[in-house]
Amino acid sequence: MDKKIIQELIDKQENIEIAARSLKAIAHPLRLKILCVINDKEVCVQDIVEAVGTSQSNISQHLGILRDKDVLQTRKEANRVYYSVTDPRTLQLLVMMREIFC
């Protein structure tokens, strides 16, 4: 990585805090799976449960963590809650992780 880019990151404390918060939030395998399911679209809880294959209460717990850390945002429509990624940089990170690990 370019030294200038690294120094810019170090100089911007706010960016470091955002990056650390996001990385900490997605460091759990189930939360990473959830983000892969959501990707760049809006997805309701029921669809996430079906795609990931665990209980709704477990998914809801992890969605709450991702929302509290500002990784996800919600939109309510009737009795459904839809989740989407808050920051496009998180999507870029997921793409890079797929390229490296998949």
PDB file of N, CA and C in Angstrom:
ATOM      1  N   MET A   1       0.839  -1.171   0.000  1.00  0.00           N
ATOM      2  CA  MET A   1       0.000   0.000   0.000  1.00  0.00           C
ATOM      3  C   MET A   1       0.889   1.240   0.000  1.00  0.00           C
ATOM      4  N   ASP A   2       0.476   2.233  -0.685  1.00  0.00           N
ATOM      5  CA  ASP A   2       1.190   3.488  -0.812  1.00  0.00           C
ATOM      6  C   ASP A   2       1.330   4.167   0.557  1.00  0.00           C
ATOM      7  N   LYS A   3       2.538   4.669   0.871  1.00  0.00           N
ATOM      8  CA  LYS A   3       2.786   5.317   2.161  1.00  0.00           C
ATOM      9  C   LYS A   3       1.887   6.535   2.353  1.00  0.00           C
ATOM     10  N   LYS A   4       1.606   7.250   1.274  1.00  0.00           N
ATOM     11  CA  LYS A   4       0.747   8.441   1.366  1.00  0.00           C
ATOM     12  C   LYS A   4      -0.663   8.048   1.804  1.00  0.00           C
ATOM     13  N   ILE A   5      -1.191   6.972   1.253  1.00  0.00           N
ATOM     14  CA  ILE A   5      -2.535   6.504   1.606  1.00  0.00           C
ATOM     15  C   ILE A   5      -2.566   6.089   3.076  1.00  0.00           C
ATOM     16  N   ILE A   6      -1.537   5.378   3.508  1.00  0.00           N
ATOM     17  CA  ILE A   6      -1.469   4.946   4.911  1.00  0.00           C
ATOM     18  C   ILE A   6      -1.416   6.161   5.827  1.00  0.00           C
ATOM     19  N   GLN A   7      -0.615   7.151   5.490  1.00  0.00           N
ATOM     20  CA  GLN A   7      -0.503   8.349   6.328  1.00  0.00           C
ATOM     21  C   GLN A   7      -1.826   9.109   6.367  1.00  0.00           C
ATOM     22  N   GLU A   8      -2.550   9.181   5.238  1.00  0.00           N
ATOM     23  CA  GLU A   8      -3.858   9.847   5.215  1.00  0.00           C
ATOM     24  C   GLU A   8      -4.838   9.143   6.150  1.00  0.00           C
ATOM     25  N   LEU A   9      -4.800   7.820   6.159  1.00  0.00           N
ATOM     26  CA  LEU A   9      -5.679   7.066   7.052  1.00  0.00           C
ATOM     27  C   LEU A   9      -5.325   7.336   8.506  1.00  0.00           C
ATOM     28  N   ILE A  10      -4.043   7.340   8.816  1.00  0.00           N
ATOM     29  CA  ILE A  10      -3.589   7.590  10.187  1.00  0.00           C
ATOM     30  C   ILE A  10      -3.978   9.002  10.632  1.00  0.00           C
ATOM     31  N   ASP A  11      -3.890   9.956   9.724  1.00  0.00           N
ATOM     32  CA  ASP A  11      -4.195  11.350  10.059  1.00  0.00           C
ATOM     33  C   ASP A  11      -5.686  11.600  10.280  1.00  0.00           C
ATOM     34  N   LYS A  12      -6.527  10.731   9.808  1.00  0.00           N
ATOM     35  CA  LYS A  12      -7.971  10.943   9.929  1.00  0.00           C
ATOM     36  C   LYS A  12      -8.534  10.000  10.985  1.00  0.00           C
ATOM     37  N   GLN A  13      -8.510  10.449  12.226  1.00  0.00           N
ATOM     38  CA  GLN A  13      -8.953   9.633  13.361  1.00  0.00           C
ATOM     39  C   GLN A  13     -10.386   9.142  13.174  1.00  0.00           C
ATOM     40  N   GLU A  14     -11.239   9.996  12.637  1.00  0.00           N
ATOM     41  CA  GLU A  14     -12.644   9.605  12.433  1.00  0.00           C
ATOM     42  C   GLU A  14     -12.738   8.403  11.504  1.00  0.00           C
ATOM     43  N   ASN A  15     -11.965   8.395  10.435  1.00  0.00           N
ATOM     44  CA  ASN A  15     -11.983   7.268   9.501  1.00  0.00           C
ATOM     45  C   ASN A  15     -11.474   5.996  10.160  1.00  0.00           C
ATOM     46  N   ILE A  16     -10.457   6.119  11.008  1.00  0.00           N
ATOM     47  CA  ILE A  16      -9.933   4.949  11.710  1.00  0.00           C
ATOM     48  C   ILE A  16     -11.000   4.371  12.630  1.00  0.00           C
ATOM     49  N   GLU A  17     -11.708   5.242  13.325  1.00  0.00           N
ATOM     50  CA  GLU A  17     -12.752   4.772  14.232  1.00  0.00           C
ATOM     51  C   GLU A  17     -13.899   4.105  13.475  1.00  0.00           C
ATOM     52  N   ILE A  18     -14.288   4.672  12.357  1.00  0.00           N
ATOM     53  CA  ILE A  18     -15.347   4.070  11.532  1.00  0.00           C
ATOM     54  C   ILE A  18     -14.889   2.708  11.018  1.00  0.00           C
ATOM     55  N   ALA A  19     -13.662   2.640  10.531  1.00  0.00           N
ATOM     56  CA  ALA A  19     -13.141   1.373  10.004  1.00  0.00           C
ATOM     57  C   ALA A  19     -13.064   0.322  11.103  1.00  0.00           C
ATOM     58  N   ALA A  20     -12.576   0.697  12.263  1.00  0.00           N
ATOM     59  CA  ALA A  20     -12.456  -0.256  13.369  1.00  0.00           C
ATOM     60  C   ALA A  20     -13.832  -0.749  13.810  1.00  0.00           C
ATOM     61  N   ARG A  21     -14.794   0.154  13.910  1.00  0.00           N
ATOM     62  CA  ARG A  21     -16.151  -0.223  14.316  1.00  0.00           C
ATOM     63  C   ARG A  21     -16.758  -1.187  13.300  1.00  0.00           C
ATOM     64  N   SER A  22     -16.589  -0.907  12.026  1.00  0.00           N
ATOM     65  CA  SER A  22     -17.131  -1.773  10.975  1.00  0.00           C
ATOM     66  C   SER A  22     -16.465  -3.141  10.988  1.00  0.00           C
ATOM     67  N   LEU A  23     -15.149  -3.158  11.090  1.00  0.00           N
ATOM     68  CA  LEU A  23     -14.433  -4.434  11.101  1.00  0.00           C
ATOM     69  C   LEU A  23     -14.810  -5.278  12.306  1.00  0.00           C
ATOM     70  N   LYS A  24     -14.942  -4.635  13.457  1.00  0.00           N
ATOM     71  CA  LYS A  24     -15.327  -5.355  14.665  1.00  0.00           C
ATOM     72  C   LYS A  24     -16.735  -5.940  14.503  1.00  0.00           C
ATOM     73  N   ALA A  25     -17.632  -5.172  13.902  1.00  0.00           N
ATOM     74  CA  ALA A  25     -19.017  -5.622  13.730  1.00  0.00           C
ATOM     75  C   ALA A  25     -19.122  -6.794  12.770  1.00  0.00           C
ATOM     76  N   ILE A  26     -18.322  -6.807  11.730  1.00  0.00           N
ATOM     77  CA  ILE A  26     -18.455  -7.881  10.728  1.00  0.00           C
ATOM     78  C   ILE A  26     -17.526  -9.060  10.995  1.00  0.00           C
ATOM     79  N   ALA A  27     -16.759  -9.006  12.084  1.00  0.00           N
ATOM     80  CA  ALA A  27     -15.778 -10.053  12.364  1.00  0.00           C
ATOM     81  C   ALA A  27     -16.401 -11.384  12.768  1.00  0.00           C
ATOM     82  N   HIS A  28     -17.663 -11.439  13.039  1.00  0.00           N
ATOM     83  CA  HIS A  28     -18.345 -12.676  13.422  1.00  0.00           C
ATOM     84  C   HIS A  28     -18.804 -13.413  12.161  1.00  0.00           C
ATOM     85  N   PRO A  29     -18.608 -14.719  12.065  1.00  0.00           N
ATOM     86  CA  PRO A  29     -18.972 -15.458  10.845  1.00  0.00           C
ATOM     87  C   PRO A  29     -20.437 -15.294  10.423  1.00  0.00           C
ATOM     88  N   LEU A  30     -21.357 -15.301  11.375  1.00  0.00           N
ATOM     89  CA  LEU A  30     -22.769 -15.164  11.016  1.00  0.00           C
ATOM     90  C   LEU A  30     -23.073 -13.761  10.504  1.00  0.00           C
ATOM     91  N   ARG A  31     -22.482 -12.746  11.103  1.00  0.00           N
ATOM     92  CA  ARG A  31     -22.713 -11.375  10.625  1.00  0.00           C
ATOM     93  C   ARG A  31     -22.115 -11.181   9.245  1.00  0.00           C
ATOM     94  N   LEU A  32     -20.992 -11.814   8.986  1.00  0.00           N
ATOM     95  CA  LEU A  32     -20.397 -11.744   7.657  1.00  0.00           C
ATOM     96  C   LEU A  32     -21.312 -12.407   6.633  1.00  0.00           C
ATOM     97  N   LYS A  33     -21.904 -13.544   6.993  1.00  0.00           N
ATOM     98  CA  LYS A  33     -22.868 -14.211   6.100  1.00  0.00           C
ATOM     99  C   LYS A  33     -24.067 -13.315   5.832  1.00  0.00           C
ATOM    100  N   ILE A  34     -24.563 -12.675   6.877  1.00  0.00           N
ATOM    101  CA  ILE A  34     -25.712 -11.777   6.734  1.00  0.00           C
ATOM    102  C   ILE A  34     -25.392 -10.665   5.748  1.00  0.00           C
ATOM    103  N   LEU A  35     -24.218 -10.079   5.871  1.00  0.00           N
ATOM    104  CA  LEU A  35     -23.828  -9.007   4.953  1.00  0.00           C
ATOM    105  C   LEU A  35     -23.699  -9.508   3.525  1.00  0.00           C
ATOM    106  N   CYS A  36     -23.219 -10.733   3.362  1.00  0.00           N
ATOM    107  CA  CYS A  36     -23.126 -11.307   2.017  1.00  0.00           C
ATOM    108  C   CYS A  36     -24.517 -11.496   1.412  1.00  0.00           C
ATOM    109  N   VAL A  37     -25.487 -11.852   2.240  1.00  0.00           N
ATOM    110  CA  VAL A  37     -26.869 -12.016   1.756  1.00  0.00           C
ATOM    111  C   VAL A  37     -27.454 -10.662   1.383  1.00  0.00           C
ATOM    112  N   ILE A  38     -27.258  -9.672   2.230  1.00  0.00           N
ATOM    113  CA  ILE A  38     -27.820  -8.346   1.973  1.00  0.00           C
ATOM    114  C   ILE A  38     -27.134  -7.697   0.781  1.00  0.00           C
ATOM    115  N   ASN A  39     -25.811  -7.730   0.773  1.00  0.00           N
ATOM    116  CA  ASN A  39     -25.007  -7.165  -0.303  1.00  0.00           C
ATOM    117  C   ASN A  39     -25.443  -5.724  -0.591  1.00  0.00           C
ATOM    118  N   ASP A  40     -25.825  -5.418  -1.822  1.00  0.00           N
ATOM    119  CA  ASP A  40     -26.162  -4.030  -2.179  1.00  0.00           C
ATOM    120  C   ASP A  40     -27.668  -3.817  -2.348  1.00  0.00           C
ATOM    121  N   LYS A  41     -28.482  -4.653  -1.697  1.00  0.00           N
ATOM    122  CA  LYS A  41     -29.934  -4.513  -1.840  1.00  0.00           C
ATOM    123  C   LYS A  41     -30.590  -4.443  -0.467  1.00  0.00           C
ATOM    124  N   GLU A  42     -31.886  -4.247  -0.463  1.00  0.00           N
ATOM    125  CA  GLU A  42     -32.670  -4.301   0.773  1.00  0.00           C
ATOM    126  C   GLU A  42     -33.222  -5.704   0.937  1.00  0.00           C
ATOM    127  N   VAL A  43     -33.074  -6.260   2.126  1.00  0.00           N
ATOM    128  CA  VAL A  43     -33.520  -7.629   2.364  1.00  0.00           C
ATOM    129  C   VAL A  43     -34.279  -7.669   3.686  1.00  0.00           C
ATOM    130  N   CYS A  44     -35.406  -8.384   3.692  1.00  0.00           N
ATOM    131  CA  CYS A  44     -36.171  -8.504   4.936  1.00  0.00           C
ATOM    132  C   CYS A  44     -35.628  -9.655   5.778  1.00  0.00           C
ATOM    133  N   VAL A  45     -35.967  -9.629   7.050  1.00  0.00           N
ATOM    134  CA  VAL A  45     -35.449 -10.603   8.012  1.00  0.00           C
ATOM    135  C   VAL A  45     -35.757 -12.033   7.569  1.00  0.00           C
ATOM    136  N   GLN A  46     -36.979 -12.269   7.103  1.00  0.00           N
ATOM    137  CA  GLN A  46     -37.370 -13.620   6.706  1.00  0.00           C
ATOM    138  C   GLN A  46     -36.475 -14.167   5.590  1.00  0.00           C
ATOM    139  N   ASP A  47     -36.127 -13.315   4.645  1.00  0.00           N
ATOM    140  CA  ASP A  47     -35.249 -13.750   3.554  1.00  0.00           C
ATOM    141  C   ASP A  47     -33.835 -14.052   4.053  1.00  0.00           C
ATOM    142  N   ILE A  48     -33.383 -13.275   5.020  1.00  0.00           N
ATOM    143  CA  ILE A  48     -32.057 -13.519   5.596  1.00  0.00           C
ATOM    144  C   ILE A  48     -32.056 -14.851   6.338  1.00  0.00           C
ATOM    145  N   VAL A  49     -33.107 -15.103   7.112  1.00  0.00           N
ATOM    146  CA  VAL A  49     -33.225 -16.362   7.860  1.00  0.00           C
ATOM    147  C   VAL A  49     -33.172 -17.545   6.902  1.00  0.00           C
ATOM    148  N   GLU A  50     -33.931 -17.472   5.812  1.00  0.00           N
ATOM    149  CA  GLU A  50     -33.942 -18.565   4.833  1.00  0.00           C
ATOM    150  C   GLU A  50     -32.576 -18.765   4.194  1.00  0.00           C
ATOM    151  N   ALA A  51     -31.906 -17.679   3.854  1.00  0.00           N
ATOM    152  CA  ALA A  51     -30.617 -17.775   3.166  1.00  0.00           C
ATOM    153  C   ALA A  51     -29.512 -18.282   4.089  1.00  0.00           C
ATOM    154  N   VAL A  52     -29.536 -17.859   5.337  1.00  0.00           N
ATOM    155  CA  VAL A  52     -28.454 -18.195   6.259  1.00  0.00           C
ATOM    156  C   VAL A  52     -28.715 -19.524   6.964  1.00  0.00           C
ATOM    157  N   GLY A  53     -29.983 -19.805   7.252  1.00  0.00           N
ATOM    158  CA  GLY A  53     -30.327 -21.097   7.831  1.00  0.00           C
ATOM    159  C   GLY A  53     -30.163 -21.206   9.330  1.00  0.00           C
ATOM    160  N   THR A  54     -30.534 -20.194  10.050  1.00  0.00           N
ATOM    161  CA  THR A  54     -30.546 -20.253  11.510  1.00  0.00           C
ATOM    162  C   THR A  54     -31.845 -19.616  11.993  1.00  0.00           C
ATOM    163  N   SER A  55     -32.039 -19.561  13.287  1.00  0.00           N
ATOM    164  CA  SER A  55     -33.312 -19.073  13.824  1.00  0.00           C
ATOM    165  C   SER A  55     -33.473 -17.568  13.634  1.00  0.00           C
ATOM    166  N   GLN A  56     -34.721 -17.142  13.601  1.00  0.00           N
ATOM    167  CA  GLN A  56     -35.008 -15.723  13.437  1.00  0.00           C
ATOM    168  C   GLN A  56     -34.487 -14.917  14.627  1.00  0.00           C
ATOM    169  N   SER A  57     -34.589 -15.475  15.824  1.00  0.00           N
ATOM    170  CA  SER A  57     -34.106 -14.741  17.001  1.00  0.00           C
ATOM    171  C   SER A  57     -32.588 -14.546  16.939  1.00  0.00           C
ATOM    172  N   ASN A  58     -31.870 -15.549  16.451  1.00  0.00           N
ATOM    173  CA  ASN A  58     -30.421 -15.449  16.306  1.00  0.00           C
ATOM    174  C   ASN A  58     -30.063 -14.389  15.264  1.00  0.00           C
ATOM    175  N   ILE A  59     -30.751 -14.428  14.135  1.00  0.00           N
ATOM    176  CA  ILE A  59     -30.514 -13.432  13.080  1.00  0.00           C
ATOM    177  C   ILE A  59     -30.827 -12.033  13.598  1.00  0.00           C
ATOM    178  N   SER A  60     -31.949 -11.884  14.276  1.00  0.00           N
ATOM    179  CA  SER A  60     -32.348 -10.569  14.788  1.00  0.00           C
ATOM    180  C   SER A  60     -31.316 -10.015  15.758  1.00  0.00           C
ATOM    181  N   GLN A  61     -30.759 -10.868  16.571  1.00  0.00           N
ATOM    182  CA  GLN A  61     -29.726 -10.451  17.518  1.00  0.00           C
ATOM    183  C   GLN A  61     -28.511  -9.884  16.778  1.00  0.00           C
ATOM    184  N   HIS A  62     -28.076 -10.577  15.739  1.00  0.00           N
ATOM    185  CA  HIS A  62     -26.910 -10.126  14.980  1.00  0.00           C
ATOM    186  C   HIS A  62     -27.227  -8.904  14.115  1.00  0.00           C
ATOM    187  N   LEU A  63     -28.447  -8.830  13.603  1.00  0.00           N
ATOM    188  CA  LEU A  63     -28.856  -7.634  12.861  1.00  0.00           C
ATOM    189  C   LEU A  63     -28.834  -6.416  13.783  1.00  0.00           C
ATOM    190  N   GLY A  64     -29.249  -6.607  15.024  1.00  0.00           N
ATOM    191  CA  GLY A  64     -29.218  -5.517  15.997  1.00  0.00           C
ATOM    192  C   GLY A  64     -27.810  -5.008  16.240  1.00  0.00           C
ATOM    193  N   ILE A  65     -26.864  -5.914  16.321  1.00  0.00           N
ATOM    194  CA  ILE A  65     -25.458  -5.518  16.507  1.00  0.00           C
ATOM    195  C   ILE A  65     -24.973  -4.727  15.301  1.00  0.00           C
ATOM    196  N   LEU A  66     -25.273  -5.220  14.099  1.00  0.00           N
ATOM    197  CA  LEU A  66     -24.844  -4.522  12.879  1.00  0.00           C
ATOM    198  C   LEU A  66     -25.508  -3.148  12.768  1.00  0.00           C
ATOM    199  N   ARG A  67     -26.739  -3.049  13.199  1.00  0.00           N
ATOM    200  CA  ARG A  67     -27.442  -1.766  13.169  1.00  0.00           C
ATOM    201  C   ARG A  67     -26.862  -0.816  14.222  1.00  0.00           C
ATOM    202  N   ASP A  68     -26.595  -1.326  15.430  1.00  0.00           N
ATOM    203  CA  ASP A  68     -26.021  -0.494  16.490  1.00  0.00           C
ATOM    204  C   ASP A  68     -24.652   0.058  16.123  1.00  0.00           C
ATOM    205  N   LYS A  69     -23.911  -0.688  15.329  1.00  0.00           N
ATOM    206  CA  LYS A  69     -22.574  -0.260  14.901  1.00  0.00           C
ATOM    207  C   LYS A  69     -22.623   0.553  13.605  1.00  0.00           C
ATOM    208  N   ASP A  70     -23.830   0.906  13.167  1.00  0.00           N
ATOM    209  CA  ASP A  70     -24.051   1.715  11.954  1.00  0.00           C
ATOM    210  C   ASP A  70     -23.584   1.036  10.675  1.00  0.00           C
ATOM    211  N   VAL A  71     -23.537  -0.287  10.681  1.00  0.00           N
ATOM    212  CA  VAL A  71     -23.194  -1.025   9.466  1.00  0.00           C
ATOM    213  C   VAL A  71     -24.450  -1.203   8.609  1.00  0.00           C
ATOM    214  N   LEU A  72     -25.595  -1.381   9.279  1.00  0.00           N
ATOM    215  CA  LEU A  72     -26.868  -1.552   8.579  1.00  0.00           C
ATOM    216  C   LEU A  72     -27.847  -0.459   8.958  1.00  0.00           C
ATOM    217  N   GLN A  73     -28.750  -0.197   8.033  1.00  0.00           N
ATOM    218  CA  GLN A  73     -29.870   0.710   8.287  1.00  0.00           C
ATOM    219  C   GLN A  73     -31.163  -0.046   8.006  1.00  0.00           C
ATOM    220  N   THR A  74     -32.258   0.445   8.547  1.00  0.00           N
ATOM    221  CA  THR A  74     -33.533  -0.254   8.382  1.00  0.00           C
ATOM    222  C   THR A  74     -34.578   0.651   7.747  1.00  0.00           C
ATOM    223  N   ARG A  75     -35.553  -0.027   7.161  1.00  0.00           N
ATOM    224  CA  ARG A  75     -36.739   0.643   6.635  1.00  0.00           C
ATOM    225  C   ARG A  75     -37.904  -0.289   6.919  1.00  0.00           C
ATOM    226  N   LYS A  76     -38.939   0.258   7.537  1.00  0.00           N
ATOM    227  CA  LYS A  76     -40.092  -0.572   7.875  1.00  0.00           C
ATOM    228  C   LYS A  76     -41.204  -0.334   6.864  1.00  0.00           C
ATOM    229  N   GLU A  77     -41.798  -1.439   6.413  1.00  0.00           N
ATOM    230  CA  GLU A  77     -42.923  -1.377   5.487  1.00  0.00           C
ATOM    231  C   GLU A  77     -43.951  -2.399   5.965  1.00  0.00           C
ATOM    232  N   ALA A  78     -45.113  -1.886   6.389  1.00  0.00           N
ATOM    233  CA  ALA A  78     -46.159  -2.734   6.982  1.00  0.00           C
ATOM    234  C   ALA A  78     -45.552  -3.483   8.169  1.00  0.00           C
ATOM    235  N   ASN A  79     -45.586  -4.809   8.155  1.00  0.00           N
ATOM    236  CA  ASN A  79     -45.043  -5.577   9.280  1.00  0.00           C
ATOM    237  C   ASN A  79     -43.659  -6.159   8.978  1.00  0.00           C
ATOM    238  N   ARG A  80     -43.008  -5.685   7.932  1.00  0.00           N
ATOM    239  CA  ARG A  80     -41.673  -6.176   7.576  1.00  0.00           C
ATOM    240  C   ARG A  80     -40.628  -5.088   7.772  1.00  0.00           C
ATOM    241  N   VAL A  81     -39.457  -5.524   8.214  1.00  0.00           N
ATOM    242  CA  VAL A  81     -38.317  -4.624   8.354  1.00  0.00           C
ATOM    243  C   VAL A  81     -37.293  -5.024   7.300  1.00  0.00           C
ATOM    244  N   TYR A  82     -36.857  -4.051   6.532  1.00  0.00           N
ATOM    245  CA  TYR A  82     -35.869  -4.287   5.484  1.00  0.00           C
ATOM    246  C   TYR A  82     -34.533  -3.694   5.916  1.00  0.00           C
ATOM    247  N   TYR A  83     -33.481  -4.448   5.664  1.00  0.00           N
ATOM    248  CA  TYR A  83     -32.131  -4.040   6.036  1.00  0.00           C
ATOM    249  C   TYR A  83     -31.307  -3.773   4.784  1.00  0.00           C
ATOM    250  N   SER A  84     -30.450  -2.769   4.880  1.00  0.00           N
ATOM    251  CA  SER A  84     -29.497  -2.485   3.800  1.00  0.00           C
ATOM    252  C   SER A  84     -28.210  -1.957   4.435  1.00  0.00           C
ATOM    253  N   VAL A  85     -27.129  -2.035   3.679  1.00  0.00           N
ATOM    254  CA  VAL A  85     -25.827  -1.583   4.166  1.00  0.00           C
ATOM    255  C   VAL A  85     -25.800  -0.060   4.159  1.00  0.00           C
ATOM    256  N   THR A  86     -25.350   0.518   5.260  1.00  0.00           N
ATOM    257  CA  THR A  86     -25.342   1.965   5.435  1.00  0.00           C
ATOM    258  C   THR A  86     -24.266   2.647   4.597  1.00  0.00           C
ATOM    259  N   ASP A  87     -23.066   2.109   4.635  1.00  0.00           N
ATOM    260  CA  ASP A  87     -21.908   2.764   4.025  1.00  0.00           C
ATOM    261  C   ASP A  87     -21.406   1.942   2.845  1.00  0.00           C
ATOM    262  N   PRO A  88     -21.349   2.528   1.659  1.00  0.00           N
ATOM    263  CA  PRO A  88     -20.874   1.791   0.484  1.00  0.00           C
ATOM    264  C   PRO A  88     -19.448   1.255   0.624  1.00  0.00           C
ATOM    265  N   ARG A  89     -18.669   1.834   1.518  1.00  0.00           N
ATOM    266  CA  ARG A  89     -17.310   1.339   1.737  1.00  0.00           C
ATOM    267  C   ARG A  89     -17.328  -0.074   2.324  1.00  0.00           C
ATOM    268  N   THR A  90     -18.377  -0.380   3.077  1.00  0.00           N
ATOM    269  CA  THR A  90     -18.512  -1.736   3.618  1.00  0.00           C
ATOM    270  C   THR A  90     -18.709  -2.725   2.481  1.00  0.00           C
ATOM    271  N   LEU A  91     -19.470  -2.331   1.473  1.00  0.00           N
ATOM    272  CA  LEU A  91     -19.661  -3.195   0.301  1.00  0.00           C
ATOM    273  C   LEU A  91     -18.345  -3.395  -0.437  1.00  0.00           C
ATOM    274  N   GLN A  92     -17.547  -2.346  -0.539  1.00  0.00           N
ATOM    275  CA  GLN A  92     -16.238  -2.464  -1.182  1.00  0.00           C
ATOM    276  C   GLN A  92     -15.361  -3.451  -0.413  1.00  0.00           C
ATOM    277  N   LEU A  93     -15.434  -3.385   0.894  1.00  0.00           N
ATOM    278  CA  LEU A  93     -14.671  -4.307   1.733  1.00  0.00           C
ATOM    279  C   LEU A  93     -15.114  -5.746   1.496  1.00  0.00           C
ATOM    280  N   LEU A  94     -16.420  -5.975   1.394  1.00  0.00           N
ATOM    281  CA  LEU A  94     -16.934  -7.320   1.127  1.00  0.00           C
ATOM    282  C   LEU A  94     -16.459  -7.842  -0.223  1.00  0.00           C
ATOM    283  N   VAL A  95     -16.454  -6.974  -1.221  1.00  0.00           N
ATOM    284  CA  VAL A  95     -15.971  -7.367  -2.550  1.00  0.00           C
ATOM    285  C   VAL A  95     -14.504  -7.777  -2.475  1.00  0.00           C
ATOM    286  N   MET A  96     -13.701  -6.992  -1.792  1.00  0.00           N
ATOM    287  CA  MET A  96     -12.279  -7.323  -1.671  1.00  0.00           C
ATOM    288  C   MET A  96     -12.081  -8.625  -0.906  1.00  0.00           C
ATOM    289  N   MET A  97     -12.879  -8.847   0.127  1.00  0.00           N
ATOM    290  CA  MET A  97     -12.762 -10.094   0.893  1.00  0.00           C
ATOM    291  C   MET A  97     -13.146 -11.292   0.036  1.00  0.00           C
ATOM    292  N   ARG A  98     -14.174 -11.140  -0.793  1.00  0.00           N
ATOM    293  CA  ARG A  98     -14.552 -12.234  -1.701  1.00  0.00           C
ATOM    294  C   ARG A  98     -13.418 -12.547  -2.662  1.00  0.00           C
ATOM    295  N   GLU A  99     -12.798 -11.501  -3.211  1.00  0.00           N
ATOM    296  CA  GLU A  99     -11.699 -11.694  -4.159  1.00  0.00           C
ATOM    297  C   GLU A  99     -10.526 -12.418  -3.484  1.00  0.00           C
ATOM    298  N   ILE A 100     -10.256 -12.105  -2.259  1.00  0.00           N
ATOM    299  CA  ILE A 100      -9.107 -12.691  -1.572  1.00  0.00           C
ATOM    300  C   ILE A 100      -9.417 -14.092  -1.039  1.00  0.00           C
ATOM    301  N   PHE A 101     -10.588 -14.275  -0.425  1.00  0.00           N
ATOM    302  CA  PHE A 101     -10.878 -15.529   0.272  1.00  0.00           C
ATOM    303  C   PHE A 101     -11.730 -16.511  -0.515  1.00  0.00           C
ATOM    304  N   CYS A 102     -12.425 -16.043  -1.525  1.00  0.00           N
ATOM    305  CA  CYS A 102     -13.287 -16.958  -2.282  1.00  0.00           C
ATOM    306  C   CYS A 102     -12.654 -17.250  -3.613  1.00  0.00           C
TER     307      CYS A 102
END
